[in-house]
Amino acid sequence: MVKVNVAAHPLVAAKLTQLRLHDLPPKDFREGVRSVASMMIYEASRSLPLADVPNLQSPIAEFTGQAVPLRIGLSPILRAGIGMTDAALDLFPDATVLHLGLFRDKVSLQAIEYYSKLPTDVTADLVFVLDPLIATGGTAVAAIGMLVEWGLHPSQIRLVSVLGSRKGVEHVAAQFPDVEIYIGAIDEELTSQGYISPGLGDAGDRLYNTH
């Protein structure tokens, strides 16, 4: 799969093992999602460009520093994507947060839009879509489609997730081959109800204790 980056870091694997546990308390689940999100966003930003910032002063001497010259956007898919947002804001504190509300119909498994907080004009050069799980891939495809319709090219979008199914990740990659995907791990199975197996359950319910 082109442009699909699966984490190979032992800390990600260890955190995912904890997140999969059925009896992990919501507080620990939230902290685990935030930890994995931080590591994945770090990886997803590895290739960002840098621009020189001259005429800076350290305690010892003048120097030329570097800064990311892009306007960064963060687009959490409600509601589970909120669990990744603080980790992203730690790395990009000046980012624009672009909330997208989508839920998956339990019968058709199709993504249904219910909320969009996109300004009239495009306000970001690069947007990180935040969605803990890529199950069928339908929600991620819908969210990326909304951002493309807003005015972004798919190459300006990076999808960051904690876990996905093989089928779902392949679906997103097929629909938007120019979108880079950064994900903690990929499970091979997807149940008939659209759950990743073994997976980690419903991320939104586990984040907010709404089983």
C-alpha atoms as a PDB file:
ATOM      1  CA  MET A   1       0.000   0.000   0.000  1.00  0.00           C
ATOM      2  CA  VAL A   2       1.535   3.254  -1.142  1.00  0.00           C
ATOM      3  CA  LYS A   3       1.901   6.062   1.419  1.00  0.00           C
ATOM      4  CA  VAL A   4       0.716   3.928   4.317  1.00  0.00           C
ATOM      5  CA  ASN A   5       3.135   4.219   7.237  1.00  0.00           C
ATOM      6  CA  VAL A   6       2.675   1.641  10.010  1.00  0.00           C
ATOM      7  CA  ALA A   7       4.506   2.284  13.262  1.00  0.00           C
ATOM      8  CA  ALA A   8       7.443   0.026  14.021  1.00  0.00           C
ATOM      9  CA  HIS A   9       8.227   1.509  17.426  1.00  0.00           C
ATOM     10  CA  PRO A  10       8.151  -0.732  20.524  1.00  0.00           C
ATOM     11  CA  LEU A  11       6.472   1.966  22.632  1.00  0.00           C
ATOM     12  CA  VAL A  12       3.561   2.138  20.187  1.00  0.00           C
ATOM     13  CA  ALA A  13       3.197  -1.654  20.275  1.00  0.00           C
ATOM     14  CA  ALA A  14       3.260  -1.682  24.073  1.00  0.00           C
ATOM     15  CA  LYS A  15       0.653   1.086  24.350  1.00  0.00           C
ATOM     16  CA  LEU A  16      -1.595  -0.648  21.820  1.00  0.00           C
ATOM     17  CA  THR A  17      -1.463  -3.825  23.886  1.00  0.00           C
ATOM     18  CA  GLN A  18      -2.792  -1.857  26.860  1.00  0.00           C
ATOM     19  CA  LEU A  19      -5.472  -0.138  24.776  1.00  0.00           C
ATOM     20  CA  ARG A  20      -6.801  -3.487  23.544  1.00  0.00           C
ATOM     21  CA  LEU A  21      -7.511  -4.731  27.082  1.00  0.00           C
ATOM     22  CA  HIS A  22     -11.273  -4.944  27.645  1.00  0.00           C
ATOM     23  CA  ASP A  23     -11.056  -3.868  31.277  1.00  0.00           C
ATOM     24  CA  LEU A  24      -8.757  -0.860  30.865  1.00  0.00           C
ATOM     25  CA  PRO A  25     -10.322   2.082  32.784  1.00  0.00           C
ATOM     26  CA  PRO A  26     -11.483   5.064  30.669  1.00  0.00           C
ATOM     27  CA  LYS A  27      -8.841   7.347  32.198  1.00  0.00           C
ATOM     28  CA  ASP A  28      -6.058   4.970  31.183  1.00  0.00           C
ATOM     29  CA  PHE A  29      -7.625   4.516  27.751  1.00  0.00           C
ATOM     30  CA  ARG A  30      -7.694   8.287  27.191  1.00  0.00           C
ATOM     31  CA  GLU A  31      -4.075   8.607  28.273  1.00  0.00           C
ATOM     32  CA  GLY A  32      -3.053   5.711  26.023  1.00  0.00           C
ATOM     33  CA  VAL A  33      -4.786   7.176  22.976  1.00  0.00           C
ATOM     34  CA  ARG A  34      -3.115  10.498  23.647  1.00  0.00           C
ATOM     35  CA  SER A  35       0.307   8.837  23.944  1.00  0.00           C
ATOM     36  CA  VAL A  36      -0.041   6.893  20.684  1.00  0.00           C
ATOM     37  CA  ALA A  37      -1.453   9.971  18.949  1.00  0.00           C
ATOM     38  CA  SER A  38       1.555  12.012  20.025  1.00  0.00           C
ATOM     39  CA  MET A  39       3.971   9.422  18.657  1.00  0.00           C
ATOM     40  CA  MET A  40       2.074   9.065  15.365  1.00  0.00           C
ATOM     41  CA  ILE A  41       1.770  12.822  14.810  1.00  0.00           C
ATOM     42  CA  TYR A  42       5.497  13.123  15.475  1.00  0.00           C
ATOM     43  CA  GLU A  43       6.100  10.570  12.700  1.00  0.00           C
ATOM     44  CA  ALA A  44       3.573  12.216  10.390  1.00  0.00           C
ATOM     45  CA  SER A  45       5.397  15.547  10.715  1.00  0.00           C
ATOM     46  CA  ARG A  46       8.873  14.153  10.065  1.00  0.00           C
ATOM     47  CA  SER A  47       9.011  15.440   6.465  1.00  0.00           C
ATOM     48  CA  LEU A  48       7.683  18.948   7.105  1.00  0.00           C
ATOM     49  CA  PRO A  49       9.725  21.703   5.460  1.00  0.00           C
ATOM     50  CA  LEU A  50      11.789  24.202   7.433  1.00  0.00           C
ATOM     51  CA  ALA A  51      12.532  27.867   6.802  1.00  0.00           C
ATOM     52  CA  ASP A  52      15.406  29.851   8.257  1.00  0.00           C
ATOM     53  CA  VAL A  53      14.628  32.449  10.910  1.00  0.00           C
ATOM     54  CA  PRO A  54      17.612  34.865  11.029  1.00  0.00           C
ATOM     55  CA  ASN A  55      18.748  37.424  13.575  1.00  0.00           C
ATOM     56  CA  LEU A  56      17.785  35.532  16.728  1.00  0.00           C
ATOM     57  CA  GLN A  57      19.698  35.875  19.964  1.00  0.00           C
ATOM     58  CA  SER A  58      20.732  33.145  22.392  1.00  0.00           C
ATOM     59  CA  PRO A  59      22.234  33.976  25.808  1.00  0.00           C
ATOM     60  CA  ILE A  60      25.639  33.685  24.124  1.00  0.00           C
ATOM     61  CA  ALA A  61      25.408  34.853  20.520  1.00  0.00           C
ATOM     62  CA  GLU A  62      23.217  35.692  17.555  1.00  0.00           C
ATOM     63  CA  PHE A  63      22.016  32.706  15.530  1.00  0.00           C
ATOM     64  CA  THR A  64      19.756  31.621  12.689  1.00  0.00           C
ATOM     65  CA  GLY A  65      16.982  29.290  13.768  1.00  0.00           C
ATOM     66  CA  GLN A  66      14.410  27.250  11.884  1.00  0.00           C
ATOM     67  CA  ALA A  67      10.620  27.106  11.862  1.00  0.00           C
ATOM     68  CA  VAL A  68       7.906  25.209   9.996  1.00  0.00           C
ATOM     69  CA  PRO A  69       6.590  27.735   7.457  1.00  0.00           C
ATOM     70  CA  LEU A  70       3.230  26.033   6.880  1.00  0.00           C
ATOM     71  CA  ARG A  71      -0.179  26.879   8.286  1.00  0.00           C
ATOM     72  CA  ILE A  72      -1.128  23.674  10.090  1.00  0.00           C
ATOM     73  CA  GLY A  73      -4.688  22.439  10.471  1.00  0.00           C
ATOM     74  CA  LEU A  74      -5.952  19.699  12.764  1.00  0.00           C
ATOM     75  CA  SER A  75      -9.197  18.021  11.793  1.00  0.00           C
ATOM     76  CA  PRO A  76     -10.519  15.684  14.499  1.00  0.00           C
ATOM     77  CA  ILE A  77     -13.421  13.503  13.427  1.00  0.00           C
ATOM     78  CA  LEU A  78     -16.020  13.799  16.179  1.00  0.00           C
ATOM     79  CA  ARG A  79     -16.272  12.410  18.620  1.00  0.00           C
ATOM     80  CA  ALA A  80     -13.363   9.990  18.996  1.00  0.00           C
ATOM     81  CA  GLY A  81     -10.913  12.286  17.210  1.00  0.00           C
ATOM     82  CA  ILE A  82     -11.157  14.686  20.148  1.00  0.00           C
ATOM     83  CA  GLY A  83      -9.114  12.137  22.104  1.00  0.00           C
ATOM     84  CA  MET A  84      -6.142  12.860  19.813  1.00  0.00           C
ATOM     85  CA  THR A  85      -6.501  16.632  19.600  1.00  0.00           C
ATOM     86  CA  ASP A  86      -4.622  17.689  22.731  1.00  0.00           C
ATOM     87  CA  ALA A  87      -1.622  15.595  21.700  1.00  0.00           C
ATOM     88  CA  ALA A  88      -1.628  17.325  18.318  1.00  0.00           C
ATOM     89  CA  LEU A  89      -1.985  20.781  19.888  1.00  0.00           C
ATOM     90  CA  ASP A  90       1.009  20.069  22.118  1.00  0.00           C
ATOM     91  CA  LEU A  91       3.083  19.783  18.937  1.00  0.00           C
ATOM     92  CA  PHE A  92       1.264  22.477  16.944  1.00  0.00           C
ATOM     93  CA  PRO A  93      -0.083  24.966  19.508  1.00  0.00           C
ATOM     94  CA  ASP A  94      -0.972  27.555  16.855  1.00  0.00           C
ATOM     95  CA  ALA A  95      -2.808  25.130  14.579  1.00  0.00           C
ATOM     96  CA  THR A  96      -6.321  25.763  13.325  1.00  0.00           C
ATOM     97  CA  VAL A  97      -8.732  23.118  14.637  1.00  0.00           C
ATOM     98  CA  LEU A  98     -11.286  22.076  12.014  1.00  0.00           C
ATOM     99  CA  HIS A  99     -13.947  19.871  13.618  1.00  0.00           C
ATOM    100  CA  LEU A 100     -15.788  17.410  11.387  1.00  0.00           C
ATOM    101  CA  GLY A 101     -18.813  15.523  12.709  1.00  0.00           C
ATOM    102  CA  LEU A 102     -19.420  12.111  11.144  1.00  0.00           C
ATOM    103  CA  PHE A 103     -21.010   8.947  12.458  1.00  0.00           C
ATOM    104  CA  ARG A 104     -21.364   5.485  10.963  1.00  0.00           C
ATOM    105  CA  ASP A 105     -24.870   4.158  10.427  1.00  0.00           C
ATOM    106  CA  LYS A 106     -25.090   0.847  12.280  1.00  0.00           C
ATOM    107  CA  VAL A 107     -27.051  -0.870   9.508  1.00  0.00           C
ATOM    108  CA  SER A 108     -25.544   0.445   6.272  1.00  0.00           C
ATOM    109  CA  LEU A 109     -22.109   1.186   7.829  1.00  0.00           C
ATOM    110  CA  GLN A 110     -22.092   4.365   5.719  1.00  0.00           C
ATOM    111  CA  ALA A 111     -20.676   7.623   7.081  1.00  0.00           C
ATOM    112  CA  ILE A 112     -23.236  10.332   7.785  1.00  0.00           C
ATOM    113  CA  GLU A 113     -22.184  13.968   8.165  1.00  0.00           C
ATOM    114  CA  TYR A 114     -23.782  15.988  10.961  1.00  0.00           C
ATOM    115  CA  TYR A 115     -21.319  18.818  11.648  1.00  0.00           C
ATOM    116  CA  SER A 116     -18.625  20.802   9.858  1.00  0.00           C
ATOM    117  CA  LYS A 117     -16.586  23.704  11.193  1.00  0.00           C
ATOM    118  CA  LEU A 118     -14.694  24.706   8.066  1.00  0.00           C
ATOM    119  CA  PRO A 119     -14.146  28.432   7.389  1.00  0.00           C
ATOM    120  CA  THR A 120     -15.271  29.886   4.091  1.00  0.00           C
ATOM    121  CA  ASP A 121     -11.675  30.250   2.930  1.00  0.00           C
ATOM    122  CA  VAL A 122      -8.951  27.624   3.202  1.00  0.00           C
ATOM    123  CA  THR A 123      -6.874  28.503   6.269  1.00  0.00           C
ATOM    124  CA  ALA A 124      -4.299  25.697   6.271  1.00  0.00           C
ATOM    125  CA  ASP A 125      -1.513  24.488   4.016  1.00  0.00           C
ATOM    126  CA  LEU A 126      -1.433  21.021   5.579  1.00  0.00           C
ATOM    127  CA  VAL A 127      -4.158  19.277   7.579  1.00  0.00           C
ATOM    128  CA  PHE A 128      -3.779  16.293   9.891  1.00  0.00           C
ATOM    129  CA  VAL A 129      -7.026  14.317  10.049  1.00  0.00           C
ATOM    130  CA  LEU A 130      -7.318  12.732  13.497  1.00  0.00           C
ATOM    131  CA  ASP A 131      -9.348   9.525  13.804  1.00  0.00           C
ATOM    132  CA  PRO A 132      -8.332   6.808  16.287  1.00  0.00           C
ATOM    133  CA  LEU A 133      -9.803   3.937  14.264  1.00  0.00           C
ATOM    134  CA  ILE A 134     -10.014   3.147  10.552  1.00  0.00           C
ATOM    135  CA  ALA A 135     -12.544   0.308  10.509  1.00  0.00           C
ATOM    136  CA  THR A 136     -14.385   0.237   7.167  1.00  0.00           C
ATOM    137  CA  GLY A 137     -12.610   3.430   6.113  1.00  0.00           C
ATOM    138  CA  GLY A 138     -15.891   5.108   5.218  1.00  0.00           C
ATOM    139  CA  THR A 139     -15.678   7.831   7.844  1.00  0.00           C
ATOM    140  CA  ALA A 140     -12.095   8.729   6.943  1.00  0.00           C
ATOM    141  CA  VAL A 141     -12.957   8.812   3.227  1.00  0.00           C
ATOM    142  CA  ALA A 142     -15.924  11.096   3.922  1.00  0.00           C
ATOM    143  CA  ALA A 143     -13.810  13.436   6.067  1.00  0.00           C
ATOM    144  CA  ILE A 144     -11.054  13.657   3.479  1.00  0.00           C
ATOM    145  CA  GLY A 145     -13.680  14.287   0.820  1.00  0.00           C
ATOM    146  CA  MET A 146     -15.035  17.214   2.851  1.00  0.00           C
ATOM    147  CA  LEU A 147     -11.557  18.734   3.087  1.00  0.00           C
ATOM    148  CA  VAL A 148     -10.949  18.265  -0.640  1.00  0.00           C
ATOM    149  CA  GLU A 149     -14.288  19.918  -1.386  1.00  0.00           C
ATOM    150  CA  TRP A 150     -13.200  22.762   0.917  1.00  0.00           C
ATOM    151  CA  GLY A 151     -10.226  23.359  -1.370  1.00  0.00           C
ATOM    152  CA  LEU A 152      -7.318  21.184  -0.252  1.00  0.00           C
ATOM    153  CA  HIS A 153      -5.441  18.849  -2.579  1.00  0.00           C
ATOM    154  CA  PRO A 154      -5.246  15.292  -1.166  1.00  0.00           C
ATOM    155  CA  SER A 155      -1.466  15.687  -0.912  1.00  0.00           C
ATOM    156  CA  GLN A 156      -2.100  18.426   1.665  1.00  0.00           C
ATOM    157  CA  ILE A 157      -3.864  15.941   3.960  1.00  0.00           C
ATOM    158  CA  ARG A 158      -2.337  13.370   6.321  1.00  0.00           C
ATOM    159  CA  LEU A 159      -4.502  10.835   8.128  1.00  0.00           C
ATOM    160  CA  VAL A 160      -3.312   9.899  11.615  1.00  0.00           C
ATOM    161  CA  SER A 161      -4.842   6.900  13.393  1.00  0.00           C
ATOM    162  CA  VAL A 162      -4.152   4.575  16.281  1.00  0.00           C
ATOM    163  CA  LEU A 163      -5.415   1.348  14.695  1.00  0.00           C
ATOM    164  CA  GLY A 164      -7.077   0.176  11.502  1.00  0.00           C
ATOM    165  CA  SER A 165      -8.321  -2.860   9.632  1.00  0.00           C
ATOM    166  CA  ARG A 166      -6.537  -3.992   6.501  1.00  0.00           C
ATOM    167  CA  LYS A 167      -9.725  -3.563   4.473  1.00  0.00           C
ATOM    168  CA  GLY A 168     -10.405  -0.075   5.820  1.00  0.00           C
ATOM    169  CA  VAL A 169      -6.883   1.233   5.293  1.00  0.00           C
ATOM    170  CA  GLU A 170      -6.796  -0.171   1.764  1.00  0.00           C
ATOM    171  CA  HIS A 171     -10.146   1.488   1.050  1.00  0.00           C
ATOM    172  CA  VAL A 172      -8.858   4.913   2.114  1.00  0.00           C
ATOM    173  CA  ALA A 173      -5.625   4.439   0.169  1.00  0.00           C
ATOM    174  CA  ALA A 174      -7.544   3.434  -2.955  1.00  0.00           C
ATOM    175  CA  GLN A 175      -9.907   6.409  -2.769  1.00  0.00           C
ATOM    176  CA  PHE A 176      -7.185   8.947  -1.974  1.00  0.00           C
ATOM    177  CA  PRO A 177      -3.775   7.601  -3.035  1.00  0.00           C
ATOM    178  CA  ASP A 178      -2.134  10.999  -2.463  1.00  0.00           C
ATOM    179  CA  VAL A 179      -3.091  11.098   1.217  1.00  0.00           C
ATOM    180  CA  GLU A 180      -0.344   9.860   3.527  1.00  0.00           C
ATOM    181  CA  ILE A 181      -1.602   7.561   6.288  1.00  0.00           C
ATOM    182  CA  TYR A 182       0.191   7.171   9.618  1.00  0.00           C
ATOM    183  CA  ILE A 183      -1.154   4.410  11.822  1.00  0.00           C
ATOM    184  CA  GLY A 184      -0.094   2.548  14.941  1.00  0.00           C
ATOM    185  CA  ALA A 185      -1.002  -0.938  13.687  1.00  0.00           C
ATOM    186  CA  ILE A 186      -3.220  -2.777  11.205  1.00  0.00           C
ATOM    187  CA  ASP A 187      -5.414  -5.756  12.133  1.00  0.00           C
ATOM    188  CA  GLU A 188      -6.367  -8.221   9.437  1.00  0.00           C
ATOM    189  CA  GLU A 189     -10.005  -8.856  10.346  1.00  0.00           C
ATOM    190  CA  LEU A 190     -13.167  -6.751  10.164  1.00  0.00           C
ATOM    191  CA  THR A 191     -16.384  -8.186  11.603  1.00  0.00           C
ATOM    192  CA  SER A 192     -19.738  -8.120   9.793  1.00  0.00           C
ATOM    193  CA  GLN A 193     -20.764  -5.331  12.192  1.00  0.00           C
ATOM    194  CA  GLY A 194     -17.820  -3.231  11.031  1.00  0.00           C
ATOM    195  CA  TYR A 195     -15.583  -3.684  14.087  1.00  0.00           C
ATOM    196  CA  ILE A 196     -11.842  -4.226  13.841  1.00  0.00           C
ATOM    197  CA  SER A 197     -10.805  -7.624  15.250  1.00  0.00           C
ATOM    198  CA  PRO A 198      -9.172  -8.078  17.682  1.00  0.00           C
ATOM    199  CA  GLY A 199      -9.250  -4.280  17.655  1.00  0.00           C
ATOM    200  CA  LEU A 200      -9.912  -2.269  20.784  1.00  0.00           C
ATOM    201  CA  GLY A 201     -13.684  -1.795  20.684  1.00  0.00           C
ATOM    202  CA  ASP A 202     -15.541   1.457  20.110  1.00  0.00           C
ATOM    203  CA  ALA A 203     -12.977   4.214  20.693  1.00  0.00           C
ATOM    204  CA  GLY A 204     -15.581   6.895  21.401  1.00  0.00           C
ATOM    205  CA  ASP A 205     -17.393   4.788  23.994  1.00  0.00           C
ATOM    206  CA  ARG A 206     -14.157   3.825  25.686  1.00  0.00           C
ATOM    207  CA  LEU A 207     -12.798   7.385  25.698  1.00  0.00           C
ATOM    208  CA  TYR A 208     -15.930   8.832  27.281  1.00  0.00           C
ATOM    209  CA  ASN A 209     -17.273   5.824  29.228  1.00  0.00           C
ATOM    210  CA  THR A 210     -20.548   5.643  27.304  1.00  0.00           C
ATOM    211  CA  HIS A 211     -20.867   1.892  26.761  1.00  0.00           C
END
